């Protein structure tokens, strides 16, 4: 198997990766579990949504700093 075939195989297998997050704050763990039960969704889904929002917020702030998003003045 050459490198190109190996890369193609690896890229297709990355669609679902096992990644574990250890929540060390008991109150946060309890709140996630409560929301999970209340809305009938998995804790995994809630954590994925939270991580996605964090990444989007960081991208937004970076774009503000570089001037890619208008309307904000940097002092």
PDB file of N, CA and C in Angstrom:
ATOM      1  N   UNK A   1       0.850  -1.170   0.000  1.00  0.00           N
ATOM      2  CA  UNK A   1       0.000   0.000   0.000  1.00  0.00           C
ATOM      3  C   UNK A   1       0.895   1.233   0.000  1.00  0.00           C
ATOM      4  N   UNK A   2       0.660   2.150  -0.932  1.00  0.00           N
ATOM      5  CA  UNK A   2       1.467   3.368  -0.959  1.00  0.00           C
ATOM      6  C   UNK A   2       0.862   4.436  -0.054  1.00  0.00           C
ATOM      7  N   UNK A   3       1.533   5.560   0.045  1.00  0.00           N
ATOM      8  CA  UNK A   3       1.118   6.616   0.969  1.00  0.00           C
ATOM      9  C   UNK A   3      -0.233   7.198   0.579  1.00  0.00           C
ATOM     10  N   UNK A   4      -0.483   7.396  -0.718  1.00  0.00           N
ATOM     11  CA  UNK A   4      -1.747   7.982  -1.156  1.00  0.00           C
ATOM     12  C   UNK A   4      -2.929   7.105  -0.772  1.00  0.00           C
ATOM     13  N   UNK A   5      -2.796   5.800  -0.945  1.00  0.00           N
ATOM     14  CA  UNK A   5      -3.881   4.895  -0.551  1.00  0.00           C
ATOM     15  C   UNK A   5      -4.093   4.936   0.957  1.00  0.00           C
ATOM     16  N   UNK A   6      -2.996   5.012   1.704  1.00  0.00           N
ATOM     17  CA  UNK A   6      -3.077   5.060   3.160  1.00  0.00           C
ATOM     18  C   UNK A   6      -3.789   6.332   3.612  1.00  0.00           C
ATOM     19  N   UNK A   7      -3.481   7.480   3.000  1.00  0.00           N
ATOM     20  CA  UNK A   7      -4.133   8.745   3.361  1.00  0.00           C
ATOM     21  C   UNK A   7      -5.623   8.699   3.062  1.00  0.00           C
ATOM     22  N   UNK A   8      -5.983   8.111   1.928  1.00  0.00           N
ATOM     23  CA  UNK A   8      -7.399   8.028   1.564  1.00  0.00           C
ATOM     24  C   UNK A   8      -8.156   7.164   2.557  1.00  0.00           C
ATOM     25  N   UNK A   9      -7.554   6.092   2.979  1.00  0.00           N
ATOM     26  CA  UNK A   9      -8.200   5.210   3.946  1.00  0.00           C
ATOM     27  C   UNK A   9      -8.345   5.920   5.290  1.00  0.00           C
ATOM     28  N   UNK A  10      -7.289   6.618   5.728  1.00  0.00           N
ATOM     29  CA  UNK A  10      -7.343   7.320   7.007  1.00  0.00           C
ATOM     30  C   UNK A  10      -8.352   8.457   6.994  1.00  0.00           C
ATOM     31  N   UNK A  11      -8.455   9.199   5.900  1.00  0.00           N
ATOM     32  CA  UNK A  11      -9.409  10.298   5.836  1.00  0.00           C
ATOM     33  C   UNK A  11     -10.847   9.801   5.916  1.00  0.00           C
ATOM     34  N   UNK A  12     -11.132   8.677   5.297  1.00  0.00           N
ATOM     35  CA  UNK A  12     -12.496   8.162   5.339  1.00  0.00           C
ATOM     36  C   UNK A  12     -12.846   7.576   6.705  1.00  0.00           C
ATOM     37  N   UNK A  13     -11.853   7.133   7.450  1.00  0.00           N
ATOM     38  CA  UNK A  13     -12.136   6.544   8.754  1.00  0.00           C
ATOM     39  C   UNK A  13     -12.203   7.594   9.866  1.00  0.00           C
ATOM     40  N   UNK A  14     -11.888   8.867   9.563  1.00  0.00           N
ATOM     41  CA  UNK A  14     -11.898   9.915  10.577  1.00  0.00           C
ATOM     42  C   UNK A  14     -13.270  10.521  10.814  1.00  0.00           C
ATOM     43  N   UNK A  15     -14.292  10.034  10.136  1.00  0.00           N
ATOM     44  CA  UNK A  15     -15.614  10.622  10.295  1.00  0.00           C
ATOM     45  C   UNK A  15     -16.150  10.446  11.707  1.00  0.00           C
ATOM     46  N   UNK A  16     -15.746   9.406  12.394  1.00  0.00           N
ATOM     47  CA  UNK A  16     -16.174   9.204  13.767  1.00  0.00           C
ATOM     48  C   UNK A  16     -14.964   8.739  14.570  1.00  0.00           C
ATOM     49  N   UNK A  17     -14.506   9.594  15.469  1.00  0.00           N
ATOM     50  CA  UNK A  17     -13.318   9.287  16.245  1.00  0.00           C
ATOM     51  C   UNK A  17     -13.690   9.177  17.712  1.00  0.00           C
ATOM     52  N   UNK A  18     -13.097   8.215  18.381  1.00  0.00           N
ATOM     53  CA  UNK A  18     -13.345   8.042  19.812  1.00  0.00           C
ATOM     54  C   UNK A  18     -12.479   9.027  20.573  1.00  0.00           C
ATOM     55  N   UNK A  19     -13.121   9.956  21.264  1.00  0.00           N
ATOM     56  CA  UNK A  19     -12.422  10.989  22.005  1.00  0.00           C
ATOM     57  C   UNK A  19     -13.108  11.108  23.354  1.00  0.00           C
ATOM     58  N   UNK A  20     -12.358  11.057  24.411  1.00  0.00           N
ATOM     59  CA  UNK A  20     -12.956  11.080  25.745  1.00  0.00           C
ATOM     60  C   UNK A  20     -12.589  12.364  26.472  1.00  0.00           C
ATOM     61  N   UNK A  21     -13.573  12.922  27.162  1.00  0.00           N
ATOM     62  CA  UNK A  21     -13.369  14.115  27.960  1.00  0.00           C
ATOM     63  C   UNK A  21     -13.702  13.768  29.401  1.00  0.00           C
ATOM     64  N   UNK A  22     -12.781  14.065  30.290  1.00  0.00           N
ATOM     65  CA  UNK A  22     -13.021  13.819  31.707  1.00  0.00           C
ATOM     66  C   UNK A  22     -13.537  15.106  32.337  1.00  0.00           C
ATOM     67  N   UNK A  23     -14.748  15.054  32.857  1.00  0.00           N
ATOM     68  CA  UNK A  23     -15.336  16.212  33.519  1.00  0.00           C
ATOM     69  C   UNK A  23     -14.984  16.123  34.995  1.00  0.00           C
ATOM     70  N   UNK A  24     -14.182  17.076  35.445  1.00  0.00           N
ATOM     71  CA  UNK A  24     -13.691  17.029  36.825  1.00  0.00           C
ATOM     72  C   UNK A  24     -14.532  17.867  37.781  1.00  0.00           C
ATOM     73  N   UNK A  25     -15.447  18.656  37.244  1.00  0.00           N
ATOM     74  CA  UNK A  25     -16.321  19.471  38.078  1.00  0.00           C
ATOM     75  C   UNK A  25     -17.623  18.704  38.306  1.00  0.00           C
ATOM     76  N   UNK A  26     -17.879  18.239  39.533  1.00  0.00           N
ATOM     77  CA  UNK A  26     -19.079  17.441  39.791  1.00  0.00           C
ATOM     78  C   UNK A  26     -20.385  18.181  39.502  1.00  0.00           C
ATOM     79  N   UNK A  27     -20.395  19.494  39.726  1.00  0.00           N
ATOM     80  CA  UNK A  27     -21.618  20.264  39.462  1.00  0.00           C
ATOM     81  C   UNK A  27     -21.902  20.336  37.967  1.00  0.00           C
ATOM     82  N   UNK A  28     -20.859  20.470  37.166  1.00  0.00           N
ATOM     83  CA  UNK A  28     -21.029  20.490  35.715  1.00  0.00           C
ATOM     84  C   UNK A  28     -21.510  19.129  35.225  1.00  0.00           C
ATOM     85  N   UNK A  29     -20.929  18.064  35.749  1.00  0.00           N
ATOM     86  CA  UNK A  29     -21.357  16.715  35.375  1.00  0.00           C
ATOM     87  C   UNK A  29     -22.831  16.509  35.714  1.00  0.00           C
ATOM     88  N   UNK A  30     -23.226  16.937  36.907  1.00  0.00           N
ATOM     89  CA  UNK A  30     -24.619  16.790  37.341  1.00  0.00           C
ATOM     90  C   UNK A  30     -25.562  17.590  36.446  1.00  0.00           C
ATOM     91  N   UNK A  31     -25.153  18.803  36.098  1.00  0.00           N
ATOM     92  CA  UNK A  31     -25.992  19.660  35.243  1.00  0.00           C
ATOM     93  C   UNK A  31     -26.135  19.063  33.845  1.00  0.00           C
ATOM     94  N   UNK A  32     -25.051  18.535  33.297  1.00  0.00           N
ATOM     95  CA  UNK A  32     -25.128  17.886  31.982  1.00  0.00           C
ATOM     96  C   UNK A  32     -26.060  16.688  32.021  1.00  0.00           C
ATOM     97  N   UNK A  33     -25.954  15.901  33.067  1.00  0.00           N
ATOM     98  CA  UNK A  33     -26.810  14.730  33.195  1.00  0.00           C
ATOM     99  C   UNK A  33     -28.280  15.146  33.329  1.00  0.00           C
ATOM    100  N   UNK A  34     -28.538  16.183  34.122  1.00  0.00           N
ATOM    101  CA  UNK A  34     -29.909  16.674  34.297  1.00  0.00           C
ATOM    102  C   UNK A  34     -30.487  17.161  32.968  1.00  0.00           C
ATOM    103  N   UNK A  35     -29.708  17.946  32.220  1.00  0.00           N
ATOM    104  CA  UNK A  35     -30.170  18.428  30.918  1.00  0.00           C
ATOM    105  C   UNK A  35     -30.392  17.274  29.943  1.00  0.00           C
ATOM    106  N   UNK A  36     -29.542  16.288  30.022  1.00  0.00           N
ATOM    107  CA  UNK A  36     -29.672  15.115  29.160  1.00  0.00           C
ATOM    108  C   UNK A  36     -30.994  14.405  29.387  1.00  0.00           C
ATOM    109  N   UNK A  37     -31.350  14.229  30.632  1.00  0.00           N
ATOM    110  CA  UNK A  37     -32.616  13.572  30.965  1.00  0.00           C
ATOM    111  C   UNK A  37     -33.800  14.468  30.613  1.00  0.00           C
ATOM    112  N   UNK A  38     -33.675  15.739  30.928  1.00  0.00           N
ATOM    113  CA  UNK A  38     -34.765  16.684  30.702  1.00  0.00           C
ATOM    114  C   UNK A  38     -35.127  16.808  29.220  1.00  0.00           C
ATOM    115  N   UNK A  39     -34.130  16.808  28.363  1.00  0.00           N
ATOM    116  CA  UNK A  39     -34.379  16.982  26.930  1.00  0.00           C
ATOM    117  C   UNK A  39     -34.283  15.688  26.123  1.00  0.00           C
ATOM    118  N   UNK A  40     -34.102  14.577  26.795  1.00  0.00           N
ATOM    119  CA  UNK A  40     -34.024  13.254  26.155  1.00  0.00           C
ATOM    120  C   UNK A  40     -32.963  13.196  25.055  1.00  0.00           C
ATOM    121  N   UNK A  41     -31.792  13.731  25.362  1.00  0.00           N
ATOM    122  CA  UNK A  41     -30.646  13.641  24.465  1.00  0.00           C
ATOM    123  C   UNK A  41     -29.465  13.103  25.264  1.00  0.00           C
ATOM    124  N   UNK A  42     -28.466  12.639  24.567  1.00  0.00           N
ATOM    125  CA  UNK A  42     -27.315  12.070  25.263  1.00  0.00           C
ATOM    126  C   UNK A  42     -26.396  13.174  25.785  1.00  0.00           C
ATOM    127  N   UNK A  43     -25.657  12.848  26.816  1.00  0.00           N
ATOM    128  CA  UNK A  43     -24.657  13.766  27.347  1.00  0.00           C
ATOM    129  C   UNK A  43     -23.612  14.031  26.261  1.00  0.00           C
ATOM    130  N   UNK A  44     -23.304  13.028  25.475  1.00  0.00           N
ATOM    131  CA  UNK A  44     -22.343  13.176  24.379  1.00  0.00           C
ATOM    132  C   UNK A  44     -22.788  14.273  23.406  1.00  0.00           C
ATOM    133  N   UNK A  45     -24.069  14.300  23.071  1.00  0.00           N
ATOM    134  CA  UNK A  45     -24.582  15.330  22.174  1.00  0.00           C
ATOM    135  C   UNK A  45     -24.419  16.717  22.797  1.00  0.00           C
ATOM    136  N   UNK A  46     -24.744  16.845  24.075  1.00  0.00           N
ATOM    137  CA  UNK A  46     -24.599  18.134  24.750  1.00  0.00           C
ATOM    138  C   UNK A  46     -23.149  18.602  24.769  1.00  0.00           C
ATOM    139  N   UNK A  47     -22.226  17.697  25.012  1.00  0.00           N
ATOM    140  CA  UNK A  47     -20.808  18.051  25.028  1.00  0.00           C
ATOM    141  C   UNK A  47     -20.343  18.431  23.624  1.00  0.00           C
ATOM    142  N   UNK A  48     -20.813  17.712  22.597  1.00  0.00           N
ATOM    143  CA  UNK A  48     -20.449  18.052  21.221  1.00  0.00           C
ATOM    144  C   UNK A  48     -20.962  19.439  20.838  1.00  0.00           C
ATOM    145  N   UNK A  49     -22.185  19.764  21.232  1.00  0.00           N
ATOM    146  CA  UNK A  49     -22.752  21.080  20.936  1.00  0.00           C
ATOM    147  C   UNK A  49     -21.945  22.165  21.653  1.00  0.00           C
ATOM    148  N   UNK A  50     -21.589  21.921  22.899  1.00  0.00           N
ATOM    149  CA  UNK A  50     -20.820  22.901  23.669  1.00  0.00           C
ATOM    150  C   UNK A  50     -19.431  23.107  23.061  1.00  0.00           C
ATOM    151  N   UNK A  51     -18.777  22.035  22.655  1.00  0.00           N
ATOM    152  CA  UNK A  51     -17.452  22.150  22.044  1.00  0.00           C
ATOM    153  C   UNK A  51     -17.532  22.892  20.715  1.00  0.00           C
ATOM    154  N   UNK A  52     -18.555  22.604  19.916  1.00  0.00           N
ATOM    155  CA  UNK A  52     -18.739  23.285  18.637  1.00  0.00           C
ATOM    156  C   UNK A  52     -18.955  24.775  18.859  1.00  0.00           C
ATOM    157  N   UNK A  53     -19.757  25.113  19.844  1.00  0.00           N
ATOM    158  CA  UNK A  53     -20.019  26.529  20.125  1.00  0.00           C
ATOM    159  C   UNK A  53     -18.749  27.235  20.589  1.00  0.00           C
ATOM    160  N   UNK A  54     -17.943  26.582  21.409  1.00  0.00           N
ATOM    161  CA  UNK A  54     -16.683  27.160  21.865  1.00  0.00           C
ATOM    162  C   UNK A  54     -15.765  27.452  20.679  1.00  0.00           C
ATOM    163  N   UNK A  55     -15.623  26.496  19.779  1.00  0.00           N
ATOM    164  CA  UNK A  55     -14.770  26.675  18.608  1.00  0.00           C
ATOM    165  C   UNK A  55     -15.305  27.806  17.719  1.00  0.00           C
ATOM    166  N   UNK A  56     -16.612  27.852  17.516  1.00  0.00           N
ATOM    167  CA  UNK A  56     -17.216  28.914  16.713  1.00  0.00           C
ATOM    168  C   UNK A  56     -16.996  30.291  17.358  1.00  0.00           C
ATOM    169  N   UNK A  57     -17.110  30.367  18.682  1.00  0.00           N
ATOM    170  CA  UNK A  57     -16.895  31.627  19.383  1.00  0.00           C
ATOM    171  C   UNK A  57     -15.443  32.091  19.253  1.00  0.00           C
ATOM    172  N   UNK A  58     -14.508  31.165  19.353  1.00  0.00           N
ATOM    173  CA  UNK A  58     -13.090  31.509  19.191  1.00  0.00           C
ATOM    174  C   UNK A  58     -12.838  32.012  17.766  1.00  0.00           C
ATOM    175  N   UNK A  59     -13.395  31.343  16.776  1.00  0.00           N
ATOM    176  CA  UNK A  59     -13.251  31.795  15.387  1.00  0.00           C
ATOM    177  C   UNK A  59     -13.847  33.185  15.201  1.00  0.00           C
ATOM    178  N   UNK A  60     -14.994  33.436  15.811  1.00  0.00           N
ATOM    179  CA  UNK A  60     -15.648  34.737  15.711  1.00  0.00           C
ATOM    180  C   UNK A  60     -14.768  35.839  16.285  1.00  0.00           C
ATOM    181  N   UNK A  61     -14.209  35.619  17.466  1.00  0.00           N
ATOM    182  CA  UNK A  61     -13.349  36.616  18.107  1.00  0.00           C
ATOM    183  C   UNK A  61     -12.088  36.835  17.275  1.00  0.00           C
ATOM    184  N   UNK A  62     -11.517  35.771  16.744  1.00  0.00           N
ATOM    185  CA  UNK A  62     -10.333  35.924  15.881  1.00  0.00           C
ATOM    186  C   UNK A  62     -10.657  36.749  14.648  1.00  0.00           C
ATOM    187  N   UNK A  63     -11.822  36.508  14.056  1.00  0.00           N
ATOM    188  CA  UNK A  63     -12.224  37.281  12.878  1.00  0.00           C
ATOM    189  C   UNK A  63     -12.471  38.740  13.224  1.00  0.00           C
ATOM    190  N   UNK A  64     -13.002  39.010  14.405  1.00  0.00           N
ATOM    191  CA  UNK A  64     -13.167  40.395  14.854  1.00  0.00           C
ATOM    192  C   UNK A  64     -11.809  41.085  14.976  1.00  0.00           C
ATOM    193  N   UNK A  65     -10.855  40.390  15.564  1.00  0.00           N
ATOM    194  CA  UNK A  65      -9.527  40.977  15.773  1.00  0.00           C
ATOM    195  C   UNK A  65      -8.824  41.283  14.465  1.00  0.00           C
ATOM    196  N   UNK A  66      -9.008  40.429  13.473  1.00  0.00           N
ATOM    197  CA  UNK A  66      -8.318  40.626  12.191  1.00  0.00           C
ATOM    198  C   UNK A  66      -9.090  41.515  11.249  1.00  0.00           C
ATOM    199  N   UNK A  67     -10.274  41.965  11.653  1.00  0.00           N
ATOM    200  CA  UNK A  67     -11.061  42.857  10.832  1.00  0.00           C
ATOM    201  C   UNK A  67     -11.875  42.175   9.745  1.00  0.00           C
ATOM    202  N   UNK A  68     -12.011  40.873   9.791  1.00  0.00           N
ATOM    203  CA  UNK A  68     -12.786  40.152   8.801  1.00  0.00           C
ATOM    204  C   UNK A  68     -14.281  40.343   9.000  1.00  0.00           C
ATOM    205  N   UNK A  69     -14.669  40.747  10.210  1.00  0.00           N
ATOM    206  CA  UNK A  69     -16.074  41.018  10.516  1.00  0.00           C
ATOM    207  C   UNK A  69     -16.157  42.497  10.857  1.00  0.00           C
ATOM    208  N   UNK A  70     -16.967  43.238  10.099  1.00  0.00           N
ATOM    209  CA  UNK A  70     -17.080  44.675  10.312  1.00  0.00           C
ATOM    210  C   UNK A  70     -18.017  45.015  11.445  1.00  0.00           C
ATOM    211  N   UNK A  71     -17.999  46.282  11.823  1.00  0.00           N
ATOM    212  CA  UNK A  71     -18.920  46.759  12.836  1.00  0.00           C
ATOM    213  C   UNK A  71     -18.364  46.790  14.231  1.00  0.00           C
ATOM    214  N   UNK A  72     -17.181  46.274  14.432  1.00  0.00           N
ATOM    215  CA  UNK A  72     -16.586  46.288  15.765  1.00  0.00           C
ATOM    216  C   UNK A  72     -15.305  47.118  15.723  1.00  0.00           C
ATOM    217  N   UNK A  73     -15.154  47.974  16.714  1.00  0.00           N
ATOM    218  CA  UNK A  73     -13.966  48.799  16.797  1.00  0.00           C
ATOM    219  C   UNK A  73     -13.055  48.233  17.867  1.00  0.00           C
ATOM    220  N   UNK A  74     -11.796  48.083  17.529  1.00  0.00           N
ATOM    221  CA  UNK A  74     -10.816  47.558  18.480  1.00  0.00           C
ATOM    222  C   UNK A  74     -10.076  48.736  19.081  1.00  0.00           C
ATOM    223  N   UNK A  75     -10.104  48.785  20.387  1.00  0.00           N
ATOM    224  CA  UNK A  75      -9.462  49.914  21.086  1.00  0.00           C
ATOM    225  C   UNK A  75      -8.108  49.517  21.553  1.00  0.00           C
TER     226      UNK A  75
END
